[in-house]
mmCIF file of all heavy atoms, coordinates in Angstrom:
data_MODEL
# 
_entry.id   MODEL 
# 
loop_
_atom_site.group_PDB 
_atom_site.id 
_atom_site.type_symbol 
_atom_site.label_atom_id 
_atom_site.label_alt_id 
_atom_site.label_comp_id 
_atom_site.label_asym_id 
_atom_site.label_entity_id 
_atom_site.label_seq_id 
_atom_site.pdbx_PDB_ins_code 
_atom_site.Cartn_x 
_atom_site.Cartn_y 
_atom_site.Cartn_z 
_atom_site.occupancy 
_atom_site.B_iso_or_equiv 
_atom_site.pdbx_formal_charge 
_atom_site.auth_seq_id 
_atom_site.auth_comp_id 
_atom_site.auth_asym_id 
_atom_site.auth_atom_id 
_atom_site.pdbx_PDB_model_num 
ATOM 1   N N   . THR A 1 1  ? 9.719  -42.845 29.174 1.00 0.00 ? 1  THR A N   1 
ATOM 2   C CA  . THR A 1 1  ? 10.989 -42.530 28.509 1.00 0.00 ? 1  THR A CA  1 
ATOM 3   C C   . THR A 1 1  ? 10.856 -41.599 27.308 1.00 0.00 ? 1  THR A C   1 
ATOM 4   O O   . THR A 1 1  ? 11.817 -41.413 26.558 1.00 0.00 ? 1  THR A O   1 
ATOM 5   C CB  . THR A 1 1  ? 11.645 -43.850 28.047 1.00 0.00 ? 1  THR A CB  1 
ATOM 6   O OG1 . THR A 1 1  ? 10.740 -44.545 27.172 1.00 0.00 ? 1  THR A OG1 1 
ATOM 7   C CG2 . THR A 1 1  ? 11.971 -44.737 29.233 1.00 0.00 ? 1  THR A CG2 1 
ATOM 8   N N   . LYS A 1 2  ? 9.691  -40.999 27.109 1.00 0.00 ? 2  LYS A N   1 
ATOM 9   C CA  . LYS A 1 2  ? 9.483  -40.155 25.927 1.00 0.00 ? 2  LYS A CA  1 
ATOM 10  C C   . LYS A 1 2  ? 10.447 -38.969 25.871 1.00 0.00 ? 2  LYS A C   1 
ATOM 11  O O   . LYS A 1 2  ? 10.887 -38.560 24.792 1.00 0.00 ? 2  LYS A O   1 
ATOM 12  C CB  . LYS A 1 2  ? 8.043  -39.640 25.902 1.00 0.00 ? 2  LYS A CB  1 
ATOM 13  C CG  . LYS A 1 2  ? 7.008  -40.723 25.594 1.00 0.00 ? 2  LYS A CG  1 
ATOM 14  C CD  . LYS A 1 2  ? 5.615  -40.135 25.510 1.00 0.00 ? 2  LYS A CD  1 
ATOM 15  C CE  . LYS A 1 2  ? 4.589  -41.233 25.180 1.00 0.00 ? 2  LYS A CE  1 
ATOM 16  N NZ  . LYS A 1 2  ? 3.208  -40.664 25.119 1.00 0.00 ? 2  LYS A NZ  1 
ATOM 17  N N   . LYS A 1 3  ? 10.804 -38.416 27.030 1.00 0.00 ? 3  LYS A N   1 
ATOM 18  C CA  . LYS A 1 3  ? 11.661 -37.231 27.076 1.00 0.00 ? 3  LYS A CA  1 
ATOM 19  C C   . LYS A 1 3  ? 13.115 -37.574 27.401 1.00 0.00 ? 3  LYS A C   1 
ATOM 20  O O   . LYS A 1 3  ? 13.914 -36.693 27.726 1.00 0.00 ? 3  LYS A O   1 
ATOM 21  C CB  . LYS A 1 3  ? 11.114 -36.237 28.107 1.00 0.00 ? 3  LYS A CB  1 
ATOM 22  C CG  . LYS A 1 3  ? 9.725  -35.710 27.759 1.00 0.00 ? 3  LYS A CG  1 
ATOM 23  C CD  . LYS A 1 3  ? 9.238  -34.703 28.790 1.00 0.00 ? 3  LYS A CD  1 
ATOM 24  C CE  . LYS A 1 3  ? 7.853  -34.174 28.429 1.00 0.00 ? 3  LYS A CE  1 
ATOM 25  N NZ  . LYS A 1 3  ? 7.358  -33.177 29.426 1.00 0.00 ? 3  LYS A NZ  1 
ATOM 26  N N   . ILE A 1 4  ? 13.457 -38.863 27.332 1.00 0.00 ? 4  ILE A N   1 
ATOM 27  C CA  . ILE A 1 4  ? 14.820 -39.304 27.645 1.00 0.00 ? 4  ILE A CA  1 
ATOM 28  C C   . ILE A 1 4  ? 15.435 -39.898 26.381 1.00 0.00 ? 4  ILE A C   1 
ATOM 29  O O   . ILE A 1 4  ? 14.776 -40.633 25.646 1.00 0.00 ? 4  ILE A O   1 
ATOM 30  C CB  . ILE A 1 4  ? 14.828 -40.366 28.773 1.00 0.00 ? 4  ILE A CB  1 
ATOM 31  C CG1 . ILE A 1 4  ? 14.060 -39.847 29.994 1.00 0.00 ? 4  ILE A CG1 1 
ATOM 32  C CG2 . ILE A 1 4  ? 16.243 -40.742 29.163 1.00 0.00 ? 4  ILE A CG2 1 
ATOM 33  C CD1 . ILE A 1 4  ? 13.892 -40.873 31.092 1.00 0.00 ? 4  ILE A CD1 1 
ATOM 34  N N   . SER A 1 5  ? 16.685 -39.573 26.118 1.00 0.00 ? 5  SER A N   1 
ATOM 35  C CA  . SER A 1 5  ? 17.337 -40.070 24.906 1.00 0.00 ? 5  SER A CA  1 
ATOM 36  C C   . SER A 1 5  ? 17.486 -41.585 24.953 1.00 0.00 ? 5  SER A C   1 
ATOM 37  O O   . SER A 1 5  ? 17.600 -42.182 26.035 1.00 0.00 ? 5  SER A O   1 
ATOM 38  C CB  . SER A 1 5  ? 18.716 -39.425 24.749 1.00 0.00 ? 5  SER A CB  1 
ATOM 39  O OG  . SER A 1 5  ? 19.613 -39.921 25.737 1.00 0.00 ? 5  SER A OG  1 
ATOM 40  N N   . ASP A 1 6  ? 17.504 -42.188 23.766 1.00 0.00 ? 6  ASP A N   1 
ATOM 41  C CA  . ASP A 1 6  ? 17.659 -43.640 23.680 1.00 0.00 ? 6  ASP A CA  1 
ATOM 42  C C   . ASP A 1 6  ? 18.973 -44.087 24.305 1.00 0.00 ? 6  ASP A C   1 
ATOM 43  O O   . ASP A 1 6  ? 19.034 -45.161 24.931 1.00 0.00 ? 6  ASP A O   1 
ATOM 44  C CB  . ASP A 1 6  ? 17.605 -44.086 22.215 1.00 0.00 ? 6  ASP A CB  1 
ATOM 45  C CG  . ASP A 1 6  ? 16.223 -43.891 21.595 1.00 0.00 ? 6  ASP A CG  1 
ATOM 46  O OD1 . ASP A 1 6  ? 15.254 -43.732 22.368 1.00 0.00 ? 6  ASP A OD1 1 
ATOM 47  O OD2 . ASP A 1 6  ? 16.115 -43.904 20.351 1.00 0.00 ? 6  ASP A OD2 1 
ATOM 48  N N   . HIS A 1 7  ? 19.990 -43.282 24.138 1.00 0.00 ? 7  HIS A N   1 
ATOM 49  C CA  . HIS A 1 7  ? 21.304 -43.631 24.701 1.00 0.00 ? 7  HIS A CA  1 
ATOM 50  C C   . HIS A 1 7  ? 21.247 -43.690 26.228 1.00 0.00 ? 7  HIS A C   1 
ATOM 51  O O   . HIS A 1 7  ? 21.759 -44.639 26.845 1.00 0.00 ? 7  HIS A O   1 
ATOM 52  C CB  . HIS A 1 7  ? 22.349 -42.595 24.260 1.00 0.00 ? 7  HIS A CB  1 
ATOM 53  C CG  . HIS A 1 7  ? 23.702 -42.814 24.866 1.00 0.00 ? 7  HIS A CG  1 
ATOM 54  N ND1 . HIS A 1 7  ? 24.493 -43.909 24.567 1.00 0.00 ? 7  HIS A ND1 1 
ATOM 55  C CD2 . HIS A 1 7  ? 24.401 -42.071 25.782 1.00 0.00 ? 7  HIS A CD2 1 
ATOM 56  C CE1 . HIS A 1 7  ? 25.616 -43.839 25.263 1.00 0.00 ? 7  HIS A CE1 1 
ATOM 57  N NE2 . HIS A 1 7  ? 25.587 -42.732 26.001 1.00 0.00 ? 7  HIS A NE2 1 
ATOM 58  N N   . THR A 1 8  ? 20.594 -42.700 26.834 1.00 0.00 ? 8  THR A N   1 
ATOM 59  C CA  . THR A 1 8  ? 20.490 -42.670 28.298 1.00 0.00 ? 8  THR A CA  1 
ATOM 60  C C   . THR A 1 8  ? 19.629 -43.828 28.807 1.00 0.00 ? 8  THR A C   1 
ATOM 61  O O   . THR A 1 8  ? 19.951 -44.465 29.809 1.00 0.00 ? 8  THR A O   1 
ATOM 62  C CB  . THR A 1 8  ? 19.888 -41.334 28.771 1.00 0.00 ? 8  THR A CB  1 
ATOM 63  O OG1 . THR A 1 8  ? 20.737 -40.263 28.351 1.00 0.00 ? 8  THR A OG1 1 
ATOM 64  C CG2 . THR A 1 8  ? 19.741 -41.293 30.287 1.00 0.00 ? 8  THR A CG2 1 
ATOM 65  N N   . VAL A 1 9  ? 18.540 -44.083 28.096 1.00 0.00 ? 9  VAL A N   1 
ATOM 66  C CA  . VAL A 1 9  ? 17.671 -45.204 28.479 1.00 0.00 ? 9  VAL A CA  1 
ATOM 67  C C   . VAL A 1 9  ? 18.475 -46.503 28.461 1.00 0.00 ? 9  VAL A C   1 
ATOM 68  O O   . VAL A 1 9  ? 18.395 -47.315 29.394 1.00 0.00 ? 9  VAL A O   1 
ATOM 69  C CB  . VAL A 1 9  ? 16.458 -45.317 27.530 1.00 0.00 ? 9  VAL A CB  1 
ATOM 70  C CG1 . VAL A 1 9  ? 15.688 -46.616 27.794 1.00 0.00 ? 9  VAL A CG1 1 
ATOM 71  C CG2 . VAL A 1 9  ? 15.540 -44.120 27.697 1.00 0.00 ? 9  VAL A CG2 1 
ATOM 72  N N   . ALA A 1 10 ? 19.263 -46.699 27.411 1.00 0.00 ? 10 ALA A N   1 
ATOM 73  C CA  . ALA A 1 10 ? 20.054 -47.922 27.288 1.00 0.00 ? 10 ALA A CA  1 
ATOM 74  C C   . ALA A 1 10 ? 21.072 -48.030 28.419 1.00 0.00 ? 10 ALA A C   1 
ATOM 75  O O   . ALA A 1 10 ? 21.277 -49.117 28.986 1.00 0.00 ? 10 ALA A O   1 
ATOM 76  C CB  . ALA A 1 10 ? 20.759 -47.952 25.930 1.00 0.00 ? 10 ALA A CB  1 
ATOM 77  N N   . ARG A 1 11 ? 21.707 -46.909 28.768 1.00 0.00 ? 11 ARG A N   1 
ATOM 78  C CA  . ARG A 1 11 ? 22.700 -46.910 29.862 1.00 0.00 ? 11 ARG A CA  1 
ATOM 79  C C   . ARG A 1 11 ? 22.049 -47.268 31.196 1.00 0.00 ? 11 ARG A C   1 
ATOM 80  O O   . ARG A 1 11 ? 22.584 -48.055 31.981 1.00 0.00 ? 11 ARG A O   1 
ATOM 81  C CB  . ARG A 1 11 ? 23.368 -45.536 29.973 1.00 0.00 ? 11 ARG A CB  1 
ATOM 82  C CG  . ARG A 1 11 ? 24.318 -45.198 28.842 1.00 0.00 ? 11 ARG A CG  1 
ATOM 83  C CD  . ARG A 1 11 ? 24.896 -43.814 29.047 1.00 0.00 ? 11 ARG A CD  1 
ATOM 84  N NE  . ARG A 1 11 ? 25.709 -43.775 30.264 1.00 0.00 ? 11 ARG A NE  1 
ATOM 85  C CZ  . ARG A 1 11 ? 25.759 -42.732 31.102 1.00 0.00 ? 11 ARG A CZ  1 
ATOM 86  N NH1 . ARG A 1 11 ? 24.984 -41.669 30.876 1.00 0.00 ? 11 ARG A NH1 1 
ATOM 87  N NH2 . ARG A 1 11 ? 26.539 -42.754 32.165 1.00 0.00 ? 11 ARG A NH2 1 
ATOM 88  N N   . VAL A 1 12 ? 20.886 -46.676 31.452 1.00 0.00 ? 12 VAL A N   1 
ATOM 89  C CA  . VAL A 1 12 ? 20.190 -46.939 32.714 1.00 0.00 ? 12 VAL A CA  1 
ATOM 90  C C   . VAL A 1 12 ? 19.745 -48.400 32.783 1.00 0.00 ? 12 VAL A C   1 
ATOM 91  O O   . VAL A 1 12 ? 19.937 -49.075 33.801 1.00 0.00 ? 12 VAL A O   1 
ATOM 92  C CB  . VAL A 1 12 ? 18.978 -45.995 32.880 1.00 0.00 ? 12 VAL A CB  1 
ATOM 93  C CG1 . VAL A 1 12 ? 18.158 -46.405 34.104 1.00 0.00 ? 12 VAL A CG1 1 
ATOM 94  C CG2 . VAL A 1 12 ? 19.435 -44.553 33.005 1.00 0.00 ? 12 VAL A CG2 1 
ATOM 95  N N   . LEU A 1 13 ? 19.154 -48.904 31.707 1.00 0.00 ? 13 LEU A N   1 
ATOM 96  C CA  . LEU A 1 13 ? 18.694 -50.288 31.694 1.00 0.00 ? 13 LEU A CA  1 
ATOM 97  C C   . LEU A 1 13 ? 19.855 -51.260 31.891 1.00 0.00 ? 13 LEU A C   1 
ATOM 98  O O   . LEU A 1 13 ? 19.732 -52.271 32.596 1.00 0.00 ? 13 LEU A O   1 
ATOM 99  C CB  . LEU A 1 13 ? 17.979 -50.588 30.375 1.00 0.00 ? 13 LEU A CB  1 
ATOM 100 C CG  . LEU A 1 13 ? 16.617 -49.930 30.172 1.00 0.00 ? 13 LEU A CG  1 
ATOM 101 C CD1 . LEU A 1 13 ? 16.079 -50.202 28.774 1.00 0.00 ? 13 LEU A CD1 1 
ATOM 102 C CD2 . LEU A 1 13 ? 15.614 -50.404 31.224 1.00 0.00 ? 13 LEU A CD2 1 
ATOM 103 N N   . GLU A 1 14 ? 20.988 -50.944 31.246 1.00 0.00 ? 14 GLU A N   1 
ATOM 104 C CA  . GLU A 1 14 ? 22.170 -51.794 31.390 1.00 0.00 ? 14 GLU A CA  1 
ATOM 105 C C   . GLU A 1 14 ? 22.650 -51.827 32.842 1.00 0.00 ? 14 GLU A C   1 
ATOM 106 O O   . GLU A 1 14 ? 22.997 -52.880 33.385 1.00 0.00 ? 14 GLU A O   1 
ATOM 107 C CB  . GLU A 1 14 ? 23.283 -51.291 30.474 1.00 0.00 ? 14 GLU A CB  1 
ATOM 108 C CG  . GLU A 1 14 ? 24.528 -52.168 30.501 1.00 0.00 ? 14 GLU A CG  1 
ATOM 109 C CD  . GLU A 1 14 ? 25.619 -51.644 29.576 1.00 0.00 ? 14 GLU A CD  1 
ATOM 110 O OE1 . GLU A 1 14 ? 25.405 -50.610 28.909 1.00 0.00 ? 14 GLU A OE1 1 
ATOM 111 O OE2 . GLU A 1 14 ? 26.698 -52.262 29.531 1.00 0.00 ? 14 GLU A OE2 1 
ATOM 112 N N   . LYS A 1 15 ? 22.653 -50.643 33.475 1.00 0.00 ? 15 LYS A N   1 
ATOM 113 C CA  . LYS A 1 15 ? 23.102 -50.570 34.863 1.00 0.00 ? 15 LYS A CA  1 
ATOM 114 C C   . LYS A 1 15 ? 22.108 -51.253 35.816 1.00 0.00 ? 15 LYS A C   1 
ATOM 115 O O   . LYS A 1 15 ? 22.519 -51.907 36.793 1.00 0.00 ? 15 LYS A O   1 
ATOM 116 C CB  . LYS A 1 15 ? 23.297 -49.102 35.274 1.00 0.00 ? 15 LYS A CB  1 
ATOM 117 C CG  . LYS A 1 15 ? 23.845 -48.896 36.682 1.00 0.00 ? 15 LYS A CG  1 
ATOM 118 C CD  . LYS A 1 15 ? 25.183 -49.591 36.892 1.00 0.00 ? 15 LYS A CD  1 
ATOM 119 C CE  . LYS A 1 15 ? 26.279 -48.969 36.039 1.00 0.00 ? 15 LYS A CE  1 
ATOM 120 N NZ  . LYS A 1 15 ? 27.608 -49.588 36.349 1.00 0.00 ? 15 LYS A NZ  1 
ATOM 121 N N   . LEU A 1 16 ? 20.823 -51.132 35.537 1.00 0.00 ? 16 LEU A N   1 
ATOM 122 C CA  . LEU A 1 16 ? 19.808 -51.813 36.356 1.00 0.00 ? 16 LEU A CA  1 
ATOM 123 C C   . LEU A 1 16 ? 20.008 -53.321 36.317 1.00 0.00 ? 16 LEU A C   1 
ATOM 124 O O   . LEU A 1 16 ? 19.934 -54.009 37.337 1.00 0.00 ? 16 LEU A O   1 
ATOM 125 C CB  . LEU A 1 16 ? 18.399 -51.459 35.859 1.00 0.00 ? 16 LEU A CB  1 
ATOM 126 C CG  . LEU A 1 16 ? 17.907 -50.034 36.120 1.00 0.00 ? 16 LEU A CG  1 
ATOM 127 C CD1 . LEU A 1 16 ? 16.609 -49.777 35.356 1.00 0.00 ? 16 LEU A CD1 1 
ATOM 128 C CD2 . LEU A 1 16 ? 17.692 -49.795 37.612 1.00 0.00 ? 16 LEU A CD2 1 
ATOM 129 N N   . GLU A 1 17 ? 20.281 -53.827 35.102 1.00 0.00 ? 17 GLU A N   1 
ATOM 130 C CA  . GLU A 1 17 ? 20.495 -55.271 34.970 1.00 0.00 ? 17 GLU A CA  1 
ATOM 131 C C   . GLU A 1 17 ? 21.802 -55.687 35.630 1.00 0.00 ? 17 GLU A C   1 
ATOM 132 O O   . GLU A 1 17 ? 21.872 -56.725 36.298 1.00 0.00 ? 17 GLU A O   1 
ATOM 133 C CB  . GLU A 1 17 ? 20.508 -55.644 33.489 1.00 0.00 ? 17 GLU A CB  1 
ATOM 134 C CG  . GLU A 1 17 ? 20.645 -57.140 33.250 1.00 0.00 ? 17 GLU A CG  1 
ATOM 135 C CD  . GLU A 1 17 ? 20.523 -57.504 31.787 1.00 0.00 ? 17 GLU A CD  1 
ATOM 136 O OE1 . GLU A 1 17 ? 20.211 -56.616 30.967 1.00 0.00 ? 17 GLU A OE1 1 
ATOM 137 O OE2 . GLU A 1 17 ? 20.753 -58.677 31.466 1.00 0.00 ? 17 GLU A OE2 1 
ATOM 138 N N   . GLU A 1 18 ? 22.830 -54.874 35.444 1.00 0.00 ? 18 GLU A N   1 
ATOM 139 C CA  . GLU A 1 18 ? 24.155 -55.183 36.003 1.00 0.00 ? 18 GLU A CA  1 
ATOM 140 C C   . GLU A 1 18 ? 24.120 -55.250 37.527 1.00 0.00 ? 18 GLU A C   1 
ATOM 141 O O   . GLU A 1 18 ? 24.732 -56.128 38.145 1.00 0.00 ? 18 GLU A O   1 
ATOM 142 C CB  . GLU A 1 18 ? 25.148 -54.120 35.530 1.00 0.00 ? 18 GLU A CB  1 
ATOM 143 C CG  . GLU A 1 18 ? 26.544 -54.267 36.086 1.00 0.00 ? 18 GLU A CG  1 
ATOM 144 C CD  . GLU A 1 18 ? 27.413 -53.068 35.712 1.00 0.00 ? 18 GLU A CD  1 
ATOM 145 O OE1 . GLU A 1 18 ? 27.313 -52.595 34.554 1.00 0.00 ? 18 GLU A OE1 1 
ATOM 146 O OE2 . GLU A 1 18 ? 28.162 -52.593 36.576 1.00 0.00 ? 18 GLU A OE2 1 
ATOM 147 N N   . THR A 1 19 ? 23.373 -54.339 38.151 1.00 0.00 ? 19 THR A N   1 
ATOM 148 C CA  . THR A 1 19 ? 23.334 -54.278 39.621 1.00 0.00 ? 19 THR A CA  1 
ATOM 149 C C   . THR A 1 19 ? 22.271 -55.182 40.225 1.00 0.00 ? 19 THR A C   1 
ATOM 150 O O   . THR A 1 19 ? 22.228 -55.370 41.437 1.00 0.00 ? 19 THR A O   1 
ATOM 151 C CB  . THR A 1 19 ? 23.067 -52.839 40.091 1.00 0.00 ? 19 THR A CB  1 
ATOM 152 O OG1 . THR A 1 19 ? 21.821 -52.387 39.542 1.00 0.00 ? 19 THR A OG1 1 
ATOM 153 C CG2 . THR A 1 19 ? 24.188 -51.904 39.652 1.00 0.00 ? 19 THR A CG2 1 
ATOM 154 N N   . GLY A 1 20 ? 21.415 -55.737 39.363 1.00 0.00 ? 20 GLY A N   1 
ATOM 155 C CA  . GLY A 1 20 ? 20.344 -56.584 39.882 1.00 0.00 ? 20 GLY A CA  1 
ATOM 156 C C   . GLY A 1 20 ? 19.313 -55.794 40.667 1.00 0.00 ? 20 GLY A C   1 
ATOM 157 O O   . GLY A 1 20 ? 18.709 -56.301 41.615 1.00 0.00 ? 20 GLY A O   1 
ATOM 158 N N   . TYR A 1 21 ? 19.082 -54.550 40.244 1.00 0.00 ? 21 TYR A N   1 
ATOM 159 C CA  . TYR A 1 21 ? 18.144 -53.686 40.967 1.00 0.00 ? 21 TYR A CA  1 
ATOM 160 C C   . TYR A 1 21 ? 16.730 -54.270 40.938 1.00 0.00 ? 21 TYR A C   1 
ATOM 161 O O   . TYR A 1 21 ? 16.233 -54.684 39.892 1.00 0.00 ? 21 TYR A O   1 
ATOM 162 C CB  . TYR A 1 21 ? 18.119 -52.289 40.347 1.00 0.00 ? 21 TYR A CB  1 
ATOM 163 C CG  . TYR A 1 21 ? 17.063 -51.385 40.939 1.00 0.00 ? 21 TYR A CG  1 
ATOM 164 C CD1 . TYR A 1 21 ? 17.257 -50.768 42.169 1.00 0.00 ? 21 TYR A CD1 1 
ATOM 165 C CD2 . TYR A 1 21 ? 15.855 -51.177 40.273 1.00 0.00 ? 21 TYR A CD2 1 
ATOM 166 C CE1 . TYR A 1 21 ? 16.284 -49.948 42.721 1.00 0.00 ? 21 TYR A CE1 1 
ATOM 167 C CE2 . TYR A 1 21 ? 14.869 -50.366 40.821 1.00 0.00 ? 21 TYR A CE2 1 
ATOM 168 C CZ  . TYR A 1 21 ? 15.093 -49.749 42.049 1.00 0.00 ? 21 TYR A CZ  1 
ATOM 169 O OH  . TYR A 1 21 ? 14.125 -48.961 42.596 1.00 0.00 ? 21 TYR A OH  1 
ATOM 170 N N   . ILE A 1 22 ? 16.095 -54.331 42.097 1.00 0.00 ? 22 ILE A N   1 
ATOM 171 C CA  . ILE A 1 22 ? 14.707 -54.789 42.219 1.00 0.00 ? 22 ILE A CA  1 
ATOM 172 C C   . ILE A 1 22 ? 13.889 -53.644 42.803 1.00 0.00 ? 22 ILE A C   1 
ATOM 173 O O   . ILE A 1 22 ? 14.132 -53.223 43.941 1.00 0.00 ? 22 ILE A O   1 
ATOM 174 C CB  . ILE A 1 22 ? 14.596 -56.019 43.136 1.00 0.00 ? 22 ILE A CB  1 
ATOM 175 C CG1 . ILE A 1 22 ? 15.443 -57.171 42.571 1.00 0.00 ? 22 ILE A CG1 1 
ATOM 176 C CG2 . ILE A 1 22 ? 13.141 -56.452 43.277 1.00 0.00 ? 22 ILE A CG2 1 
ATOM 177 C CD1 . ILE A 1 22 ? 15.498 -58.373 43.470 1.00 0.00 ? 22 ILE A CD1 1 
ATOM 178 N N   . PRO A 1 23 ? 12.942 -53.107 42.038 1.00 0.00 ? 23 PRO A N   1 
ATOM 179 C CA  . PRO A 1 23 ? 12.159 -51.972 42.548 1.00 0.00 ? 23 PRO A CA  1 
ATOM 180 C C   . PRO A 1 23 ? 11.260 -52.374 43.701 1.00 0.00 ? 23 PRO A C   1 
ATOM 181 O O   . PRO A 1 23 ? 10.804 -53.513 43.793 1.00 0.00 ? 23 PRO A O   1 
ATOM 182 C CB  . PRO A 1 23 ? 11.319 -51.542 41.337 1.00 0.00 ? 23 PRO A CB  1 
ATOM 183 C CG  . PRO A 1 23 ? 11.212 -52.774 40.505 1.00 0.00 ? 23 PRO A CG  1 
ATOM 184 C CD  . PRO A 1 23 ? 12.509 -53.505 40.683 1.00 0.00 ? 23 PRO A CD  1 
ATOM 185 N N   . ASN A 1 24 ? 11.038 -51.451 44.607 1.00 0.00 ? 24 ASN A N   1 
ATOM 186 C CA  . ASN A 1 24 ? 10.109 -51.666 45.711 1.00 0.00 ? 24 ASN A CA  1 
ATOM 187 C C   . ASN A 1 24 ? 8.703  -51.445 45.177 1.00 0.00 ? 24 ASN A C   1 
ATOM 188 O O   . ASN A 1 24 ? 8.142  -50.355 45.266 1.00 0.00 ? 24 ASN A O   1 
ATOM 189 C CB  . ASN A 1 24 ? 10.416 -50.697 46.855 1.00 0.00 ? 24 ASN A CB  1 
ATOM 190 C CG  . ASN A 1 24 ? 9.568  -50.973 48.078 1.00 0.00 ? 24 ASN A CG  1 
ATOM 191 O OD1 . ASN A 1 24 ? 8.525  -51.613 47.974 1.00 0.00 ? 24 ASN A OD1 1 
ATOM 192 N ND2 . ASN A 1 24 ? 9.999  -50.500 49.224 1.00 0.00 ? 24 ASN A ND2 1 
ATOM 193 N N   . MET A 1 25 ? 8.131  -52.511 44.599 1.00 0.00 ? 25 MET A N   1 
ATOM 194 C CA  . MET A 1 25 ? 6.844  -52.367 43.933 1.00 0.00 ? 25 MET A CA  1 
ATOM 195 C C   . MET A 1 25 ? 5.725  -52.009 44.904 1.00 0.00 ? 25 MET A C   1 
ATOM 196 O O   . MET A 1 25 ? 4.786  -51.301 44.561 1.00 0.00 ? 25 MET A O   1 
ATOM 197 C CB  . MET A 1 25 ? 6.500  -53.659 43.199 1.00 0.00 ? 25 MET A CB  1 
ATOM 198 C CG  . MET A 1 25 ? 7.384  -53.930 41.986 1.00 0.00 ? 25 MET A CG  1 
ATOM 199 S SD  . MET A 1 25 ? 7.380  -52.586 40.795 1.00 0.00 ? 25 MET A SD  1 
ATOM 200 C CE  . MET A 1 25 ? 5.690  -52.615 40.241 1.00 0.00 ? 25 MET A CE  1 
ATOM 201 N N   . ALA A 1 26 ? 5.808  -52.505 46.127 1.00 0.00 ? 26 ALA A N   1 
ATOM 202 C CA  . ALA A 1 26 ? 4.748  -52.199 47.095 1.00 0.00 ? 26 ALA A CA  1 
ATOM 203 C C   . ALA A 1 26 ? 4.655  -50.704 47.326 1.00 0.00 ? 26 ALA A C   1 
ATOM 204 O O   . ALA A 1 26 ? 3.582  -50.114 47.270 1.00 0.00 ? 26 ALA A O   1 
ATOM 205 C CB  . ALA A 1 26 ? 5.026  -52.918 48.410 1.00 0.00 ? 26 ALA A CB  1 
ATOM 206 N N   . ALA A 1 27 ? 5.793  -50.077 47.560 1.00 0.00 ? 27 ALA A N   1 
ATOM 207 C CA  . ALA A 1 27 ? 5.798  -48.628 47.809 1.00 0.00 ? 27 ALA A CA  1 
ATOM 208 C C   . ALA A 1 27 ? 5.375  -47.872 46.554 1.00 0.00 ? 27 ALA A C   1 
ATOM 209 O O   . ALA A 1 27 ? 4.625  -46.893 46.621 1.00 0.00 ? 27 ALA A O   1 
ATOM 210 C CB  . ALA A 1 27 ? 7.181  -48.187 48.263 1.00 0.00 ? 27 ALA A CB  1 
ATOM 211 N N   . THR A 1 28 ? 5.856  -48.329 45.405 1.00 0.00 ? 28 THR A N   1 
ATOM 212 C CA  . THR A 1 28 ? 5.532  -47.653 44.149 1.00 0.00 ? 28 THR A CA  1 
ATOM 213 C C   . THR A 1 28 ? 4.052  -47.720 43.837 1.00 0.00 ? 28 THR A C   1 
ATOM 214 O O   . THR A 1 28 ? 3.409  -46.720 43.519 1.00 0.00 ? 28 THR A O   1 
ATOM 215 C CB  . THR A 1 28 ? 6.325  -48.284 42.989 1.00 0.00 ? 28 THR A CB  1 
ATOM 216 O OG1 . THR A 1 28 ? 7.721  -48.198 43.282 1.00 0.00 ? 28 THR A OG1 1 
ATOM 217 C CG2 . THR A 1 28 ? 6.034  -47.574 41.676 1.00 0.00 ? 28 THR A CG2 1 
# 
């Protein structure tokens, strides 16, 4: 997140939590 604004990071994190997003860790 070094090149991403704090505001954008906060928006993305909020949306990830809201949607219950679970990353595909195996593929990653």
